[in-house]
Amino acid sequence: MPKDHERNTSSMLEARQKIIQEKYDTLKTVLEDMIHNDEKITVPRVCELSGLSKSYLYHNEKAKKLFNETKTIAEERDKYKTILSVPKNLDINPHMHHRDMLLQYEEMKRKLYETYMITIQLLKAENKRLKKAINASQKKMEYLQSIPKIKLHIIPNCLNRGFLSYSITTSKGKRIYNGIGEDTIKGIIWGTYTLFARHFSFELATPIDGITIEKKDNCYLLTITEKVTEAITIDILMNVID
């Protein structure tokens, strides 16, 4: 299932496409109305009647083409005082009845307004989601920055045992493996870690306030709490289970 922000983005794209089409339909209706009423077609007048911007007429290629071709027809009509044949590829109907044009124009304005309102609501919802995500990220960053540098120093207390192997699983399921023996693991943060090694147990070399190791089933849970406020290396002994 798509995430909320993916659904919001898709809806906004659909709304934007709808606005683009409705702007064009509004322009088309206004031009048809002007042709029918023998009105001179100029950019300022079209903008006044349609509510569209000059920038839209100048920079939208489809709108610019329709405006220029309709203006040419109007100028030729005024020159010869007759309605010339309209090119097949021109997207207007100069013979549309005036009342029908007004009704169509009002409907276009209504649809355009509704689409704008839907887009505004979608943008507000997306803006709210983004603010929430940014706030959560900032809190997480502040939390991570507040954690002191913590290291785990694994010390096998059984040097005559040769090759050693153990694993550490974080709360997120990430595993850290070691197949050598003594090692220092960096980048540890507050939380609970699962320690496992076949035939070995784990214990703190020295007690540390805010840190515990306890046995659970065949594993050991290492818990590091927020009581640890300074950089520290935690020495952990691996003892042979006889």
C-alpha atoms as a PDB file:
ATOM      1  CA  MET A   1       0.000   0.000   0.000  1.00  0.00           C
ATOM      2  CA  PRO A   2       1.409   3.469  -0.908  1.00  0.00           C
ATOM      3  CA  LYS A   3       2.603   5.647   1.965  1.00  0.00           C
ATOM      4  CA  ASP A   4       0.631   8.759   2.934  1.00  0.00           C
ATOM      5  CA  HIS A   5       3.080  11.189   1.325  1.00  0.00           C
ATOM      6  CA  GLU A   6       3.086   9.118  -1.896  1.00  0.00           C
ATOM      7  CA  ARG A   7      -0.709   9.303  -2.037  1.00  0.00           C
ATOM      8  CA  ASN A   8      -0.570  13.040  -1.315  1.00  0.00           C
ATOM      9  CA  THR A   9       2.000  13.603  -4.064  1.00  0.00           C
ATOM     10  CA  SER A  10      -0.079  11.629  -6.576  1.00  0.00           C
ATOM     11  CA  SER A  11      -3.202  13.590  -5.658  1.00  0.00           C
ATOM     12  CA  MET A  12      -1.371  16.890  -6.016  1.00  0.00           C
ATOM     13  CA  LEU A  13      -0.075  15.935  -9.450  1.00  0.00           C
ATOM     14  CA  GLU A  14      -3.602  15.023 -10.540  1.00  0.00           C
ATOM     15  CA  ALA A  15      -4.931  18.309  -9.164  1.00  0.00           C
ATOM     16  CA  ARG A  16      -2.233  20.282 -10.978  1.00  0.00           C
ATOM     17  CA  GLN A  17      -3.008  18.540 -14.252  1.00  0.00           C
ATOM     18  CA  LYS A  18      -6.675  19.321 -13.691  1.00  0.00           C
ATOM     19  CA  ILE A  19      -5.866  23.001 -13.132  1.00  0.00           C
ATOM     20  CA  ILE A  20      -3.797  23.095 -16.337  1.00  0.00           C
ATOM     21  CA  GLN A  21      -6.690  21.626 -18.336  1.00  0.00           C
ATOM     22  CA  GLU A  22      -9.267  23.905 -16.731  1.00  0.00           C
ATOM     23  CA  LYS A  23      -7.153  26.987 -17.435  1.00  0.00           C
ATOM     24  CA  TYR A  24      -7.002  25.978 -21.075  1.00  0.00           C
ATOM     25  CA  ASP A  25     -10.754  25.281 -21.168  1.00  0.00           C
ATOM     26  CA  THR A  26     -11.406  28.708 -19.639  1.00  0.00           C
ATOM     27  CA  LEU A  27      -9.240  30.377 -22.289  1.00  0.00           C
ATOM     28  CA  LYS A  28     -11.017  28.432 -25.011  1.00  0.00           C
ATOM     29  CA  THR A  29     -14.468  29.496 -23.753  1.00  0.00           C
ATOM     30  CA  VAL A  30     -13.459  33.180 -23.504  1.00  0.00           C
ATOM     31  CA  LEU A  31     -12.001  33.206 -27.025  1.00  0.00           C
ATOM     32  CA  GLU A  32     -15.136  31.576 -28.428  1.00  0.00           C
ATOM     33  CA  ASP A  33     -17.238  34.195 -26.661  1.00  0.00           C
ATOM     34  CA  MET A  34     -15.116  37.048 -28.040  1.00  0.00           C
ATOM     35  CA  ILE A  35     -15.268  35.641 -31.567  1.00  0.00           C
ATOM     36  CA  HIS A  36     -19.063  35.339 -31.318  1.00  0.00           C
ATOM     37  CA  ASN A  37     -19.432  38.944 -30.077  1.00  0.00           C
ATOM     38  CA  ASP A  38     -17.099  40.389 -32.732  1.00  0.00           C
ATOM     39  CA  GLU A  39     -14.804  41.600 -29.974  1.00  0.00           C
ATOM     40  CA  LYS A  40     -11.203  42.512 -30.696  1.00  0.00           C
ATOM     41  CA  ILE A  41      -8.918  39.875 -29.257  1.00  0.00           C
ATOM     42  CA  THR A  42      -6.091  41.362 -27.187  1.00  0.00           C
ATOM     43  CA  VAL A  43      -4.023  39.973 -24.341  1.00  0.00           C
ATOM     44  CA  PRO A  44      -5.280  42.476 -21.723  1.00  0.00           C
ATOM     45  CA  ARG A  45      -8.934  41.861 -22.655  1.00  0.00           C
ATOM     46  CA  VAL A  46      -8.563  38.074 -22.647  1.00  0.00           C
ATOM     47  CA  CYS A  47      -6.854  38.246 -19.246  1.00  0.00           C
ATOM     48  CA  GLU A  48      -9.622  40.507 -17.922  1.00  0.00           C
ATOM     49  CA  LEU A  49     -12.396  38.169 -19.030  1.00  0.00           C
ATOM     50  CA  SER A  50     -10.719  34.884 -18.143  1.00  0.00           C
ATOM     51  CA  GLY A  51      -8.848  35.793 -14.976  1.00  0.00           C
ATOM     52  CA  LEU A  52      -5.740  34.225 -16.506  1.00  0.00           C
ATOM     53  CA  SER A  53      -2.325  35.904 -16.317  1.00  0.00           C
ATOM     54  CA  LYS A  54      -0.385  37.439 -19.173  1.00  0.00           C
ATOM     55  CA  SER A  55       2.462  35.102 -18.285  1.00  0.00           C
ATOM     56  CA  TYR A  56       0.173  32.136 -18.962  1.00  0.00           C
ATOM     57  CA  LEU A  57      -0.694  33.421 -22.451  1.00  0.00           C
ATOM     58  CA  TYR A  58       2.908  34.244 -23.280  1.00  0.00           C
ATOM     59  CA  HIS A  59       4.655  31.173 -21.881  1.00  0.00           C
ATOM     60  CA  ASN A  60       2.201  28.277 -22.123  1.00  0.00           C
ATOM     61  CA  GLU A  61       2.812  26.994 -25.658  1.00  0.00           C
ATOM     62  CA  LYS A  62      -0.623  25.421 -26.094  1.00  0.00           C
ATOM     63  CA  ALA A  63      -2.439  28.525 -24.821  1.00  0.00           C
ATOM     64  CA  LYS A  64      -0.213  30.841 -26.849  1.00  0.00           C
ATOM     65  CA  LYS A  65      -0.947  28.866 -30.039  1.00  0.00           C
ATOM     66  CA  LEU A  66      -4.708  28.947 -29.453  1.00  0.00           C
ATOM     67  CA  PHE A  67      -4.656  32.677 -28.694  1.00  0.00           C
ATOM     68  CA  ASN A  68      -2.592  33.585 -31.765  1.00  0.00           C
ATOM     69  CA  GLU A  69      -4.619  31.441 -34.163  1.00  0.00           C
ATOM     70  CA  THR A  70      -7.915  32.766 -32.801  1.00  0.00           C
ATOM     71  CA  LYS A  71      -6.648  36.341 -33.029  1.00  0.00           C
ATOM     72  CA  THR A  72      -5.693  35.763 -36.680  1.00  0.00           C
ATOM     73  CA  ILE A  73      -9.190  34.461 -37.467  1.00  0.00           C
ATOM     74  CA  ALA A  74     -10.765  37.480 -35.741  1.00  0.00           C
ATOM     75  CA  GLU A  75      -8.565  39.888 -37.673  1.00  0.00           C
ATOM     76  CA  GLU A  76      -9.371  38.210 -40.990  1.00  0.00           C
ATOM     77  CA  ARG A  77     -13.065  38.248 -40.136  1.00  0.00           C
ATOM     78  CA  ASP A  78     -12.949  41.967 -39.329  1.00  0.00           C
ATOM     79  CA  LYS A  79     -11.088  42.584 -42.569  1.00  0.00           C
ATOM     80  CA  TYR A  80     -13.635  40.835 -44.745  1.00  0.00           C
ATOM     81  CA  LYS A  81     -16.651  41.240 -42.435  1.00  0.00           C
ATOM     82  CA  THR A  82     -17.394  37.535 -42.539  1.00  0.00           C
ATOM     83  CA  ILE A  83     -16.683  34.379 -40.588  1.00  0.00           C
ATOM     84  CA  LEU A  84     -13.948  32.532 -42.399  1.00  0.00           C
ATOM     85  CA  SER A  85     -13.618  28.783 -42.362  1.00  0.00           C
ATOM     86  CA  VAL A  86     -11.931  27.625 -39.183  1.00  0.00           C
ATOM     87  CA  PRO A  87      -8.874  25.345 -39.512  1.00  0.00           C
ATOM     88  CA  LYS A  88      -9.691  21.803 -38.474  1.00  0.00           C
ATOM     89  CA  ASN A  89      -6.914  21.745 -35.916  1.00  0.00           C
ATOM     90  CA  LEU A  90      -8.093  24.940 -34.141  1.00  0.00           C
ATOM     91  CA  ASP A  91      -9.657  24.110 -30.786  1.00  0.00           C
ATOM     92  CA  ILE A  92     -12.529  26.631 -30.758  1.00  0.00           C
ATOM     93  CA  ASN A  93     -16.082  26.843 -32.084  1.00  0.00           C
ATOM     94  CA  PRO A  94     -16.772  30.412 -33.320  1.00  0.00           C
ATOM     95  CA  HIS A  95     -20.430  29.545 -33.994  1.00  0.00           C
ATOM     96  CA  MET A  96     -21.318  28.640 -30.419  1.00  0.00           C
ATOM     97  CA  HIS A  97     -24.408  30.437 -29.089  1.00  0.00           C
ATOM     98  CA  HIS A  98     -23.620  33.302 -26.679  1.00  0.00           C
ATOM     99  CA  ARG A  99     -25.791  31.934 -23.844  1.00  0.00           C
ATOM    100  CA  ASP A 100     -24.129  28.545 -24.118  1.00  0.00           C
ATOM    101  CA  MET A 101     -20.747  30.230 -23.968  1.00  0.00           C
ATOM    102  CA  LEU A 102     -21.637  32.081 -20.774  1.00  0.00           C
ATOM    103  CA  LEU A 103     -22.891  28.910 -19.120  1.00  0.00           C
ATOM    104  CA  GLN A 104     -19.776  27.025 -20.181  1.00  0.00           C
ATOM    105  CA  TYR A 105     -17.544  29.860 -18.986  1.00  0.00           C
ATOM    106  CA  GLU A 106     -19.236  29.972 -15.561  1.00  0.00           C
ATOM    107  CA  GLU A 107     -18.873  26.202 -15.260  1.00  0.00           C
ATOM    108  CA  MET A 108     -15.185  26.439 -16.126  1.00  0.00           C
ATOM    109  CA  LYS A 109     -14.660  29.105 -13.448  1.00  0.00           C
ATOM    110  CA  ARG A 110     -16.468  26.963 -10.886  1.00  0.00           C
ATOM    111  CA  LYS A 111     -14.389  23.882 -11.698  1.00  0.00           C
ATOM    112  CA  LEU A 112     -11.171  25.879 -11.638  1.00  0.00           C
ATOM    113  CA  TYR A 113     -12.026  27.293  -8.220  1.00  0.00           C
ATOM    114  CA  GLU A 114     -12.877  23.837  -6.842  1.00  0.00           C
ATOM    115  CA  THR A 115      -9.609  22.420  -8.157  1.00  0.00           C
ATOM    116  CA  TYR A 116      -7.646  25.277  -6.597  1.00  0.00           C
ATOM    117  CA  MET A 117      -9.292  24.622  -3.244  1.00  0.00           C
ATOM    118  CA  ILE A 118      -8.533  20.889  -3.437  1.00  0.00           C
ATOM    119  CA  THR A 119      -4.909  21.669  -4.280  1.00  0.00           C
ATOM    120  CA  ILE A 120      -4.640  24.067  -1.352  1.00  0.00           C
ATOM    121  CA  GLN A 121      -5.970  21.400   1.022  1.00  0.00           C
ATOM    122  CA  LEU A 122      -3.522  18.835  -0.364  1.00  0.00           C
ATOM    123  CA  LEU A 123      -0.636  21.283  -0.020  1.00  0.00           C
ATOM    124  CA  LYS A 124      -1.629  22.053   3.571  1.00  0.00           C
ATOM    125  CA  ALA A 125      -1.766  18.336   4.398  1.00  0.00           C
ATOM    126  CA  GLU A 126       1.613  17.725   2.758  1.00  0.00           C
ATOM    127  CA  ASN A 127       3.102  20.743   4.532  1.00  0.00           C
ATOM    128  CA  LYS A 128       1.824  19.420   7.868  1.00  0.00           C
ATOM    129  CA  ARG A 129       3.321  15.984   7.154  1.00  0.00           C
ATOM    130  CA  LEU A 130       6.672  17.496   6.190  1.00  0.00           C
ATOM    131  CA  LYS A 131       6.785  19.661   9.333  1.00  0.00           C
ATOM    132  CA  LYS A 132       6.053  16.576  11.439  1.00  0.00           C
ATOM    133  CA  ALA A 133       8.781  14.591   9.641  1.00  0.00           C
ATOM    134  CA  ILE A 134      11.294  17.441  10.046  1.00  0.00           C
ATOM    135  CA  ASN A 135      10.435  17.770  13.731  1.00  0.00           C
ATOM    136  CA  ALA A 136      10.897  14.019  14.251  1.00  0.00           C
ATOM    137  CA  SER A 137      14.238  14.111  12.404  1.00  0.00           C
ATOM    138  CA  GLN A 138      15.442  17.046  14.489  1.00  0.00           C
ATOM    139  CA  LYS A 139      14.504  15.268  17.703  1.00  0.00           C
ATOM    140  CA  LYS A 140      16.277  12.118  16.553  1.00  0.00           C
ATOM    141  CA  MET A 141      19.375  14.137  15.648  1.00  0.00           C
ATOM    142  CA  GLU A 142      19.351  15.905  19.011  1.00  0.00           C
ATOM    143  CA  TYR A 143      18.959  12.541  20.715  1.00  0.00           C
ATOM    144  CA  LEU A 144      21.880  10.994  18.827  1.00  0.00           C
ATOM    145  CA  GLN A 145      24.048  14.056  19.470  1.00  0.00           C
ATOM    146  CA  SER A 146      23.335  13.778  23.200  1.00  0.00           C
ATOM    147  CA  ILE A 147      24.635  10.203  23.353  1.00  0.00           C
ATOM    148  CA  PRO A 148      28.260  10.010  24.502  1.00  0.00           C
ATOM    149  CA  LYS A 149      30.794   7.921  22.591  1.00  0.00           C
ATOM    150  CA  ILE A 150      30.464   4.368  23.856  1.00  0.00           C
ATOM    151  CA  LYS A 151      32.668   1.387  22.983  1.00  0.00           C
ATOM    152  CA  LEU A 152      32.366  -2.289  23.804  1.00  0.00           C
ATOM    153  CA  HIS A 153      35.628  -4.054  24.613  1.00  0.00           C
ATOM    154  CA  ILE A 154      35.051  -7.799  24.341  1.00  0.00           C
ATOM    155  CA  ILE A 155      37.683  -9.706  26.336  1.00  0.00           C
ATOM    156  CA  PRO A 156      37.795 -13.536  25.982  1.00  0.00           C
ATOM    157  CA  ASN A 157      38.756 -14.864  29.400  1.00  0.00           C
ATOM    158  CA  CYS A 158      39.962 -18.110  27.856  1.00  0.00           C
ATOM    159  CA  LEU A 159      43.116 -17.607  25.802  1.00  0.00           C
ATOM    160  CA  ASN A 160      43.756 -21.329  25.451  1.00  0.00           C
ATOM    161  CA  ARG A 161      40.488 -21.887  23.615  1.00  0.00           C
ATOM    162  CA  GLY A 162      41.829 -20.728  20.209  1.00  0.00           C
ATOM    163  CA  PHE A 163      39.315 -19.493  17.617  1.00  0.00           C
ATOM    164  CA  LEU A 164      36.380 -17.631  19.187  1.00  0.00           C
ATOM    165  CA  SER A 165      33.103 -16.507  17.680  1.00  0.00           C
ATOM    166  CA  TYR A 166      30.253 -14.391  19.049  1.00  0.00           C
ATOM    167  CA  SER A 167      27.482 -12.135  17.796  1.00  0.00           C
ATOM    168  CA  ILE A 168      25.866  -8.915  18.994  1.00  0.00           C
ATOM    169  CA  THR A 169      22.345  -8.077  17.848  1.00  0.00           C
ATOM    170  CA  THR A 170      21.036  -4.520  18.169  1.00  0.00           C
ATOM    171  CA  SER A 171      17.433  -3.609  18.914  1.00  0.00           C
ATOM    172  CA  LYS A 172      16.969  -3.074  15.157  1.00  0.00           C
ATOM    173  CA  GLY A 173      18.142  -6.582  14.368  1.00  0.00           C
ATOM    174  CA  LYS A 174      21.588  -5.659  13.047  1.00  0.00           C
ATOM    175  CA  ARG A 175      24.210  -8.279  13.837  1.00  0.00           C
ATOM    176  CA  ILE A 176      27.886  -7.705  14.565  1.00  0.00           C
ATOM    177  CA  TYR A 177      30.043 -10.808  14.197  1.00  0.00           C
ATOM    178  CA  ASN A 178      33.577 -11.455  15.396  1.00  0.00           C
ATOM    179  CA  GLY A 179      35.600 -14.563  14.604  1.00  0.00           C
ATOM    180  CA  ILE A 180      38.926 -13.580  16.124  1.00  0.00           C
ATOM    181  CA  GLY A 181      38.491 -12.928  19.798  1.00  0.00           C
ATOM    182  CA  GLU A 182      39.287  -9.732  21.653  1.00  0.00           C
ATOM    183  CA  ASP A 183      37.848  -6.715  19.911  1.00  0.00           C
ATOM    184  CA  THR A 184      36.639  -3.138  20.488  1.00  0.00           C
ATOM    185  CA  ILE A 185      33.330  -2.166  18.905  1.00  0.00           C
ATOM    186  CA  LYS A 186      32.645   1.532  18.332  1.00  0.00           C
ATOM    187  CA  GLY A 187      29.461   3.480  17.631  1.00  0.00           C
ATOM    188  CA  ILE A 188      27.398   1.983  20.463  1.00  0.00           C
ATOM    189  CA  ILE A 189      24.381   3.984  21.664  1.00  0.00           C
ATOM    190  CA  TRP A 190      21.900   3.700  24.511  1.00  0.00           C
ATOM    191  CA  GLY A 191      19.686   0.657  24.241  1.00  0.00           C
ATOM    192  CA  THR A 192      19.599  -3.124  24.629  1.00  0.00           C
ATOM    193  CA  TYR A 193      21.911  -5.558  22.808  1.00  0.00           C
ATOM    194  CA  THR A 194      21.771  -9.345  22.621  1.00  0.00           C
ATOM    195  CA  LEU A 195      25.110 -11.134  23.082  1.00  0.00           C
ATOM    196  CA  PHE A 196      25.515 -14.725  22.000  1.00  0.00           C
ATOM    197  CA  ALA A 197      28.445 -17.154  21.875  1.00  0.00           C
ATOM    198  CA  ARG A 198      28.190 -20.919  21.953  1.00  0.00           C
ATOM    199  CA  HIS A 199      29.746 -22.329  25.177  1.00  0.00           C
ATOM    200  CA  PHE A 200      30.485 -18.830  26.566  1.00  0.00           C
ATOM    201  CA  SER A 201      28.869 -16.439  29.033  1.00  0.00           C
ATOM    202  CA  PHE A 202      29.205 -12.658  29.279  1.00  0.00           C
ATOM    203  CA  GLU A 203      29.738 -10.396  32.289  1.00  0.00           C
ATOM    204  CA  LEU A 204      30.929  -6.873  33.024  1.00  0.00           C
ATOM    205  CA  ALA A 205      34.593  -6.791  33.998  1.00  0.00           C
ATOM    206  CA  THR A 206      33.689  -4.087  36.529  1.00  0.00           C
ATOM    207  CA  PRO A 207      30.251  -2.833  37.617  1.00  0.00           C
ATOM    208  CA  ILE A 208      29.154   0.374  35.866  1.00  0.00           C
ATOM    209  CA  ASP A 209      26.187   2.481  36.931  1.00  0.00           C
ATOM    210  CA  GLY A 210      23.478   2.421  34.245  1.00  0.00           C
ATOM    211  CA  ILE A 211      24.780  -0.741  32.532  1.00  0.00           C
ATOM    212  CA  THR A 212      23.629  -4.324  33.147  1.00  0.00           C
ATOM    213  CA  ILE A 213      24.118  -7.779  31.647  1.00  0.00           C
ATOM    214  CA  GLU A 214      21.584 -10.503  32.386  1.00  0.00           C
ATOM    215  CA  LYS A 215      21.092 -14.003  31.050  1.00  0.00           C
ATOM    216  CA  LYS A 216      17.983 -14.762  29.014  1.00  0.00           C
ATOM    217  CA  ASP A 217      17.562 -18.255  27.593  1.00  0.00           C
ATOM    218  CA  ASN A 218      20.857 -19.033  25.849  1.00  0.00           C
ATOM    219  CA  CYS A 219      21.725 -15.352  25.305  1.00  0.00           C
ATOM    220  CA  TYR A 220      22.765 -12.353  27.394  1.00  0.00           C
ATOM    221  CA  LEU A 221      21.076  -8.953  27.330  1.00  0.00           C
ATOM    222  CA  LEU A 222      23.348  -5.943  27.604  1.00  0.00           C
ATOM    223  CA  THR A 223      21.399  -2.801  28.553  1.00  0.00           C
ATOM    224  CA  ILE A 224      22.979   0.647  28.384  1.00  0.00           C
ATOM    225  CA  THR A 225      20.788   3.381  29.880  1.00  0.00           C
ATOM    226  CA  GLU A 226      20.878   7.165  29.701  1.00  0.00           C
ATOM    227  CA  LYS A 227      22.674   7.209  33.044  1.00  0.00           C
ATOM    228  CA  VAL A 228      25.824   6.878  30.943  1.00  0.00           C
ATOM    229  CA  THR A 229      26.543  10.529  30.146  1.00  0.00           C
ATOM    230  CA  GLU A 230      30.256  10.489  29.346  1.00  0.00           C
ATOM    231  CA  ALA A 231      32.468   8.720  26.812  1.00  0.00           C
ATOM    232  CA  ILE A 232      33.183   5.247  28.086  1.00  0.00           C
ATOM    233  CA  THR A 233      34.639   1.862  27.093  1.00  0.00           C
ATOM    234  CA  ILE A 234      32.712  -1.060  28.525  1.00  0.00           C
ATOM    235  CA  ASP A 235      34.881  -4.081  29.285  1.00  0.00           C
ATOM    236  CA  ILE A 236      32.942  -7.334  28.843  1.00  0.00           C
ATOM    237  CA  LEU A 237      34.404 -10.695  29.774  1.00  0.00           C
ATOM    238  CA  MET A 238      33.655 -13.853  27.783  1.00  0.00           C
ATOM    239  CA  ASN A 239      33.867 -16.796  30.129  1.00  0.00           C
ATOM    240  CA  VAL A 240      33.873 -20.481  29.195  1.00  0.00           C
ATOM    241  CA  ILE A 241      30.802 -22.387  30.253  1.00  0.00           C
ATOM    242  CA  ASP A 242      32.047 -25.724  31.570  1.00  0.00           C
END
